[in-house]
Protein backbone atom coordinates (compact mmCIF):
# COMPACT_ATOMS: atom_id res chain seq x y z
CA MET A 1 -14.04 31.82 -10.11
CA SER A 2 -10.49 32.03 -11.37
CA LEU A 3 -9.14 30.09 -14.38
CA VAL A 4 -5.65 31.63 -13.90
CA THR A 5 -3.07 29.06 -12.70
CA SER A 6 -1.05 31.31 -10.49
CA ASP A 7 -4.13 31.81 -8.41
CA TYR A 8 -3.78 28.11 -7.20
CA ASP A 9 -0.26 28.71 -5.77
CA PHE A 10 0.78 28.62 -2.22
CA ALA A 11 4.00 28.47 -0.22
CA LEU A 12 4.83 25.33 1.96
CA PRO A 13 7.66 25.02 4.46
CA GLU A 14 9.72 22.17 3.36
CA ALA A 15 9.53 20.76 6.88
CA GLN A 16 5.67 20.15 6.34
CA ILE A 17 6.27 17.74 3.42
CA ALA A 18 5.54 14.20 4.92
CA ARG A 19 8.38 12.10 3.42
CA TYR A 20 7.72 9.19 5.81
CA PRO A 21 4.43 7.75 7.13
CA LEU A 22 3.21 8.13 10.71
CA PRO A 23 3.63 5.00 12.90
CA HIS A 24 -0.07 4.28 12.45
CA ARG A 25 -2.26 4.81 9.43
CA ASP A 26 -5.04 6.32 11.35
CA ASP A 27 -2.71 8.74 13.40
CA SER A 28 -3.37 11.34 10.72
CA ARG A 29 -5.07 14.64 11.59
CA MET A 30 -8.11 15.62 9.60
CA LEU A 31 -9.00 19.27 8.80
CA VAL A 32 -12.78 19.43 8.22
CA LEU A 33 -14.26 21.96 5.98
CA HIS A 34 -17.94 22.77 6.49
CA ARG A 35 -18.97 24.51 3.11
CA ALA A 36 -22.34 25.74 4.06
CA GLU A 37 -21.07 27.66 7.12
CA ARG A 38 -17.59 28.28 5.69
CA ARG A 39 -16.19 26.84 8.94
CA ILE A 40 -12.98 24.85 9.59
CA GLU A 41 -12.70 22.28 12.32
CA HIS A 42 -9.65 20.33 13.56
CA CYS A 43 -10.17 16.60 14.01
CA GLY A 44 -8.22 13.29 13.77
CA PHE A 45 -8.88 10.79 11.07
CA ARG A 46 -10.29 8.38 13.63
CA ASP A 47 -13.28 10.86 13.89
CA PHE A 48 -14.10 10.17 10.19
CA PRO A 49 -17.10 7.72 10.96
CA LYS A 50 -18.68 10.24 13.13
CA PHE A 51 -19.40 12.54 10.06
CA LEU A 52 -21.48 9.84 8.32
CA GLY A 53 -25.23 9.62 8.41
CA ALA A 54 -27.87 7.03 7.51
CA GLY A 55 -27.80 6.25 3.83
CA ASP A 56 -24.26 7.52 3.25
CA LEU A 57 -21.79 5.55 1.22
CA VAL A 58 -17.98 5.88 1.29
CA VAL A 59 -16.49 5.13 -2.18
CA LEU A 60 -12.79 4.04 -2.25
CA ASN A 61 -10.37 3.41 -5.16
CA ASN A 62 -9.00 -0.14 -4.81
CA THR A 63 -6.25 0.18 -7.31
CA GLN A 64 -3.00 -1.40 -6.35
CA VAL A 65 0.48 0.20 -6.93
CA ILE A 66 2.68 -1.94 -9.08
CA PRO A 67 6.45 -1.95 -8.45
CA ALA A 68 6.89 0.05 -11.67
CA ARG A 69 10.30 1.71 -11.12
CA VAL A 70 12.98 -0.34 -12.86
CA PHE A 71 16.57 0.13 -13.66
CA SER A 72 18.29 -1.45 -16.53
CA ASP A 73 20.71 -4.19 -15.91
CA ASP A 74 23.74 -1.84 -16.48
CA GLY A 75 22.18 0.74 -14.13
CA LYS A 76 22.33 3.47 -16.83
CA ILE A 77 18.66 3.59 -17.59
CA GLU A 78 15.66 4.29 -15.30
CA LEU A 79 12.26 3.35 -16.50
CA LEU A 80 8.83 3.77 -15.07
CA PHE A 81 6.33 1.12 -16.41
CA LEU A 82 3.17 3.19 -16.89
CA GLU A 83 0.80 0.70 -18.58
CA ALA A 84 0.77 -2.31 -20.70
CA ALA A 85 0.37 -1.46 -24.37
CA GLY A 86 0.37 -4.96 -26.11
CA GLU A 87 2.03 -8.33 -25.64
CA ASN A 88 5.23 -7.79 -23.76
CA THR A 89 5.14 -4.09 -24.65
CA TRP A 90 5.00 -1.15 -22.08
CA LYS A 91 4.49 2.48 -22.28
CA CYS A 92 7.48 3.77 -20.17
CA MET A 93 8.91 6.98 -18.95
CA VAL A 94 12.59 6.74 -19.33
CA LYS A 95 15.74 8.71 -17.99
CA PRO A 96 17.86 9.86 -19.68
CA GLY A 97 15.73 10.12 -22.77
CA ARG A 98 18.55 10.76 -25.18
CA ARG A 99 19.89 7.16 -24.66
CA MET A 100 16.44 5.70 -25.60
CA ARG A 101 15.68 6.65 -29.16
CA VAL A 102 13.75 4.38 -31.52
CA GLY A 103 15.60 1.23 -32.13
CA ARG A 104 17.77 1.34 -29.00
CA THR A 105 17.78 -1.61 -26.67
CA VAL A 106 17.80 -2.02 -22.98
CA ALA A 107 18.11 -5.05 -20.71
CA VAL A 108 15.81 -5.45 -17.57
CA GLY A 109 16.18 -8.46 -15.53
CA GLY A 110 17.84 -10.30 -18.32
CA VAL A 111 15.19 -9.48 -20.74
CA GLU A 112 16.01 -7.31 -23.80
CA GLY A 113 13.60 -4.52 -24.78
CA THR A 114 13.56 -2.39 -27.92
CA VAL A 115 12.19 1.25 -28.15
CA MET A 116 9.51 0.95 -30.84
CA ASP A 117 8.20 4.42 -30.69
CA VAL A 118 8.68 7.82 -29.00
CA LEU A 119 5.32 9.38 -28.20
CA GLU A 120 4.40 13.06 -28.42
CA THR A 121 4.37 13.18 -24.58
CA GLY A 122 8.01 11.80 -24.56
CA GLU A 123 7.03 8.34 -23.23
CA ARG A 124 8.44 5.33 -25.07
CA LEU A 125 6.83 2.21 -26.25
CA VAL A 126 9.20 -0.49 -25.37
CA LYS A 127 8.70 -4.13 -26.62
CA PHE A 128 10.53 -6.90 -24.61
CA ALA A 129 11.46 -10.23 -25.90
CA ALA A 130 9.67 -11.95 -22.91
CA PRO A 131 7.54 -10.87 -19.89
CA VAL A 132 9.29 -8.62 -17.34
CA ASP A 133 8.82 -9.83 -13.75
CA LEU A 134 8.22 -6.49 -12.04
CA GLU A 135 7.73 -8.18 -8.79
CA LYS A 136 11.31 -9.33 -9.06
CA VAL A 137 13.13 -6.28 -10.51
CA GLY A 138 10.74 -3.41 -9.78
CA HIS A 139 10.66 -0.90 -6.95
CA MET A 140 7.68 1.04 -5.42
CA PRO A 141 7.45 4.27 -7.63
CA LEU A 142 7.48 6.96 -4.71
CA PRO A 143 6.53 10.51 -5.51
CA PRO A 144 9.45 12.63 -6.54
CA TYR A 145 8.90 15.17 -3.72
CA PHE A 146 9.81 12.43 -1.26
CA GLU A 147 13.41 12.99 -2.56
CA ARG A 148 14.49 9.62 -1.25
CA GLU A 149 14.77 5.97 -2.40
CA CYS A 150 12.19 3.31 -1.63
CA GLU A 151 12.69 1.69 1.78
CA PRO A 152 11.17 -1.62 2.98
CA GLU A 153 8.40 0.08 4.86
CA ASP A 154 7.14 1.78 1.69
CA GLU A 155 6.25 -1.58 0.18
CA GLN A 156 3.45 -1.75 2.55
CA ARG A 157 2.65 1.76 3.56
CA TYR A 158 2.39 3.27 0.17
CA GLN A 159 -0.53 1.05 -0.54
CA THR A 160 -3.93 0.98 0.86
CA VAL A 161 -5.06 -1.88 3.07
CA TYR A 162 -7.78 -2.69 0.54
CA ALA A 163 -5.70 -2.51 -2.74
CA ASP A 164 -6.42 -5.53 -4.87
CA ALA A 165 -6.56 -4.38 -8.53
CA PRO A 166 -2.92 -4.09 -9.80
CA GLY A 167 -2.27 -1.17 -12.31
CA ALA A 168 -1.49 2.12 -10.65
CA VAL A 169 1.88 3.87 -10.59
CA ALA A 170 0.95 6.11 -7.70
CA ALA A 171 -1.22 5.48 -4.62
CA PRO A 172 -4.75 6.95 -4.11
CA THR A 173 -3.28 8.71 -1.11
CA ALA A 174 -6.64 9.59 0.68
CA GLY A 175 -7.22 5.85 1.30
CA LEU A 176 -3.79 5.43 2.99
CA HIS A 177 -5.31 6.57 6.34
CA PHE A 178 -7.81 3.72 6.55
CA THR A 179 -7.26 0.63 8.81
CA PRO A 180 -9.38 -2.46 8.33
CA GLU A 181 -11.02 -1.55 11.65
CA ILE A 182 -12.21 1.93 10.49
CA LEU A 183 -13.14 0.49 7.06
CA ALA A 184 -15.38 -2.04 8.83
CA ARG A 185 -17.19 0.79 10.59
CA VAL A 186 -18.34 2.55 7.54
CA PRO A 187 -20.66 1.54 4.71
CA HIS A 188 -18.50 1.43 1.70
CA ALA A 189 -18.05 0.32 -2.05
CA PHE A 190 -15.06 0.30 -4.34
CA VAL A 191 -14.36 1.66 -7.85
CA THR A 192 -11.01 1.31 -9.58
CA LEU A 193 -8.97 4.03 -11.18
CA HIS A 194 -5.33 3.16 -12.21
CA VAL A 195 -3.46 6.32 -11.02
CA GLY A 196 -0.91 7.47 -13.61
CA ALA A 197 2.31 9.58 -13.34
CA GLY A 198 0.32 12.57 -14.66
CA THR A 199 -1.19 12.99 -11.29
CA PHE A 200 2.03 14.68 -10.21
CA LYS A 201 2.21 16.93 -13.35
CA PRO A 202 1.96 20.62 -12.53
CA VAL A 203 -0.20 22.90 -14.63
CA GLN A 204 2.30 25.04 -16.55
CA ALA A 205 -0.14 26.94 -18.86
CA GLU A 206 -1.26 30.32 -17.63
CA CYS A 207 -4.79 29.54 -18.23
CA ILE A 208 -6.20 26.35 -16.60
CA THR A 209 -8.30 25.54 -19.69
CA ASP A 210 -5.13 25.28 -21.82
CA HIS A 211 -3.79 22.33 -19.81
CA VAL A 212 -3.86 18.92 -21.38
CA MET A 213 -5.11 16.31 -18.90
CA HIS A 214 -3.68 12.82 -18.57
CA ARG A 215 -5.96 9.84 -19.36
CA GLU A 216 -6.50 6.94 -16.77
CA ARG A 217 -8.26 3.60 -16.88
CA TYR A 218 -11.26 2.87 -14.57
CA SER A 219 -13.93 0.42 -13.87
CA ILE A 220 -17.13 0.15 -11.82
CA SER A 221 -18.76 -3.15 -10.94
CA PRO A 222 -22.44 -3.77 -11.13
CA GLU A 223 -22.58 -4.11 -7.25
CA ALA A 224 -20.86 -0.79 -6.72
CA ALA A 225 -22.93 1.02 -9.36
CA ALA A 226 -26.04 -0.15 -7.48
CA ALA A 227 -24.83 0.76 -4.19
CA ILE A 228 -23.77 4.19 -5.32
CA THR A 229 -27.07 4.88 -6.98
CA ALA A 230 -28.96 3.90 -3.86
CA ALA A 231 -27.02 6.03 -1.53
CA ARG A 232 -28.27 9.20 0.06
CA ARG A 233 -24.93 10.85 -0.04
CA VAL A 234 -21.78 9.72 -1.64
CA ILE A 235 -18.46 10.44 0.18
CA ALA A 236 -15.54 10.03 -2.40
CA VAL A 237 -12.25 9.01 -0.83
CA GLY A 238 -9.74 10.77 -2.93
CA THR A 239 -9.67 12.85 -6.14
CA THR A 240 -9.30 9.54 -8.05
CA SER A 241 -12.65 8.17 -6.73
CA MET A 242 -14.13 11.59 -7.47
CA ARG A 243 -12.82 11.46 -11.08
CA VAL A 244 -14.29 7.97 -11.74
CA LEU A 245 -17.63 8.98 -10.37
CA GLU A 246 -17.99 12.38 -12.02
CA SER A 247 -16.72 11.08 -15.47
CA ARG A 248 -19.30 8.18 -15.38
CA ALA A 249 -22.14 10.47 -14.28
CA ARG A 250 -21.23 13.13 -16.86
CA ASP A 251 -20.87 10.64 -19.80
CA GLU A 252 -23.83 8.27 -18.87
CA GLY A 253 -26.10 10.58 -17.05
CA ARG A 254 -25.90 8.41 -13.89
CA ILE A 255 -23.58 5.99 -12.21
CA THR A 256 -23.51 2.66 -14.30
CA ALA A 257 -21.29 -0.33 -14.30
CA GLY A 258 -18.69 -0.53 -16.94
CA GLU A 259 -15.05 0.33 -17.67
CA GLY A 260 -13.24 2.92 -19.76
CA SER A 261 -10.79 5.72 -19.50
CA THR A 262 -11.05 9.31 -18.42
CA ASP A 263 -9.23 12.56 -18.88
CA ILE A 264 -11.91 14.56 -16.90
CA PHE A 265 -10.47 17.85 -15.69
CA ILE A 266 -12.52 19.20 -12.81
CA TYR A 267 -11.85 22.94 -12.02
CA PRO A 268 -13.86 25.82 -10.67
CA GLY A 269 -17.18 26.27 -12.60
CA TYR A 270 -17.72 22.44 -12.81
CA GLU A 271 -21.12 21.19 -11.88
CA PHE A 272 -21.03 18.18 -9.65
CA ARG A 273 -23.33 15.24 -10.45
CA SER A 274 -22.72 12.42 -7.97
CA VAL A 275 -20.45 13.36 -5.09
CA GLY A 276 -21.72 14.83 -1.90
CA SER A 277 -18.59 15.06 0.20
CA LEU A 278 -14.88 14.49 -0.38
CA LEU A 279 -12.08 13.12 1.87
CA THR A 280 -8.61 14.12 0.34
CA ASN A 281 -4.98 14.85 1.21
CA PHE A 282 -3.29 18.12 0.84
CA HIS A 283 -2.05 18.68 -2.65
CA LEU A 284 0.81 20.38 -4.62
CA PRO A 285 0.59 23.94 -5.60
CA LYS A 286 -0.96 24.60 -8.94
CA SER A 287 -1.87 20.98 -9.43
CA THR A 288 -5.02 19.67 -11.15
CA LEU A 289 -5.89 18.04 -7.86
CA LEU A 290 -5.86 21.36 -5.86
CA MET A 291 -8.12 22.76 -8.71
CA LEU A 292 -10.58 19.77 -8.29
CA VAL A 293 -10.85 20.41 -4.62
CA SER A 294 -11.30 24.26 -5.23
CA ALA A 295 -14.05 23.37 -7.64
CA PHE A 296 -15.83 21.37 -4.80
CA ALA A 297 -15.33 23.81 -1.96
CA GLY A 298 -14.45 27.17 -3.49
CA ARG A 299 -10.87 28.34 -4.12
CA GLU A 300 -10.70 31.12 -1.51
CA PHE A 301 -12.03 28.80 1.18
CA VAL A 302 -9.66 26.02 0.23
CA LEU A 303 -6.66 28.32 0.16
CA GLU A 304 -7.86 29.75 3.52
CA ALA A 305 -7.93 26.12 4.86
CA TYR A 306 -4.57 25.41 3.54
CA ALA A 307 -3.14 28.49 5.17
CA GLU A 308 -4.79 27.26 8.40
CA ALA A 309 -3.22 23.88 8.04
CA ILE A 310 0.35 25.26 7.49
CA ARG A 311 -0.10 27.44 10.45
CA GLU A 312 -1.13 24.39 12.49
CA GLY A 313 1.72 22.19 11.27
CA TYR A 314 -0.32 19.73 9.25
CA ARG A 315 1.76 17.25 7.21
CA PHE A 316 1.39 17.65 3.36
CA TYR A 317 1.11 15.27 0.36
CA SER A 318 0.98 11.55 -0.10
CA TYR A 319 2.13 10.47 3.46
CA GLY A 320 0.49 13.60 5.05
CA ASP A 321 -2.77 14.47 6.86
CA CYS A 322 -6.08 14.77 5.25
CA MET A 323 -9.11 17.03 4.72
CA LEU A 324 -12.78 16.12 4.89
CA VAL A 325 -14.97 18.48 2.80
CA LEU A 326 -18.69 18.46 3.86
């Protein structure tokens, strides 16, 4: 077990960063990790239902990405609307920060906003004179490693087919592979975790335990809690679903209905309480997400699998291929 951040690094050829989606969602490849045998199997995502047994339940995150990336009317300021923080008030990331000190104003869609506070994290609290229509003025907030602007295709493809709970600024990408047809073939339930921009934040501390984790809002319905509790095995779709389930199980002792926020940081040494298998995409080096997967499958085995995926030309990150950990 390693708590040294540099032990979660790997080199990825630029050509294997998936900057655009495949023609069809379920065209993705799926690397299957059999933990008990420490065996790696190459499959396609369409094979996913074959790995489920009687009593299994697939748990997905139904958060919906909002068009949170906004530019000021004069084009000089870029804002990322992270979350509502009061009436017509938003917590925002802004660029350039030097132009957005306390008291400075910015116009978005003809609505004037004033910087009320600069948080320790560098984010701004901006109070607007009226509601800002993000559907009209906002853009899909694509991950920075795409290194391109949002295109019409992204409005649909950087969103799961079952997304119906607006509030995320990043997609729960393991769910992007699902089509309505595949979803209908697997027993499933939904939880909600509104993915924040912190999901892309690399761990910069030399020791994992010194990293400050971002906080995200979640909810679990009574119906979902009952189904999860009754399941023989829970297959979490994505690290976001995993964080909801493990956070609730840790705090409540079991999966119960309710809502709250979590800053749970899962890294090697963590004792899993609710999740039996994980479907996830390939993650950034030295990221909390890679550390979570390493906690679940073992760091050496995960990095061995990543090396295999790189050799075999798998596509990485949000629009990339996936990995099923059994």
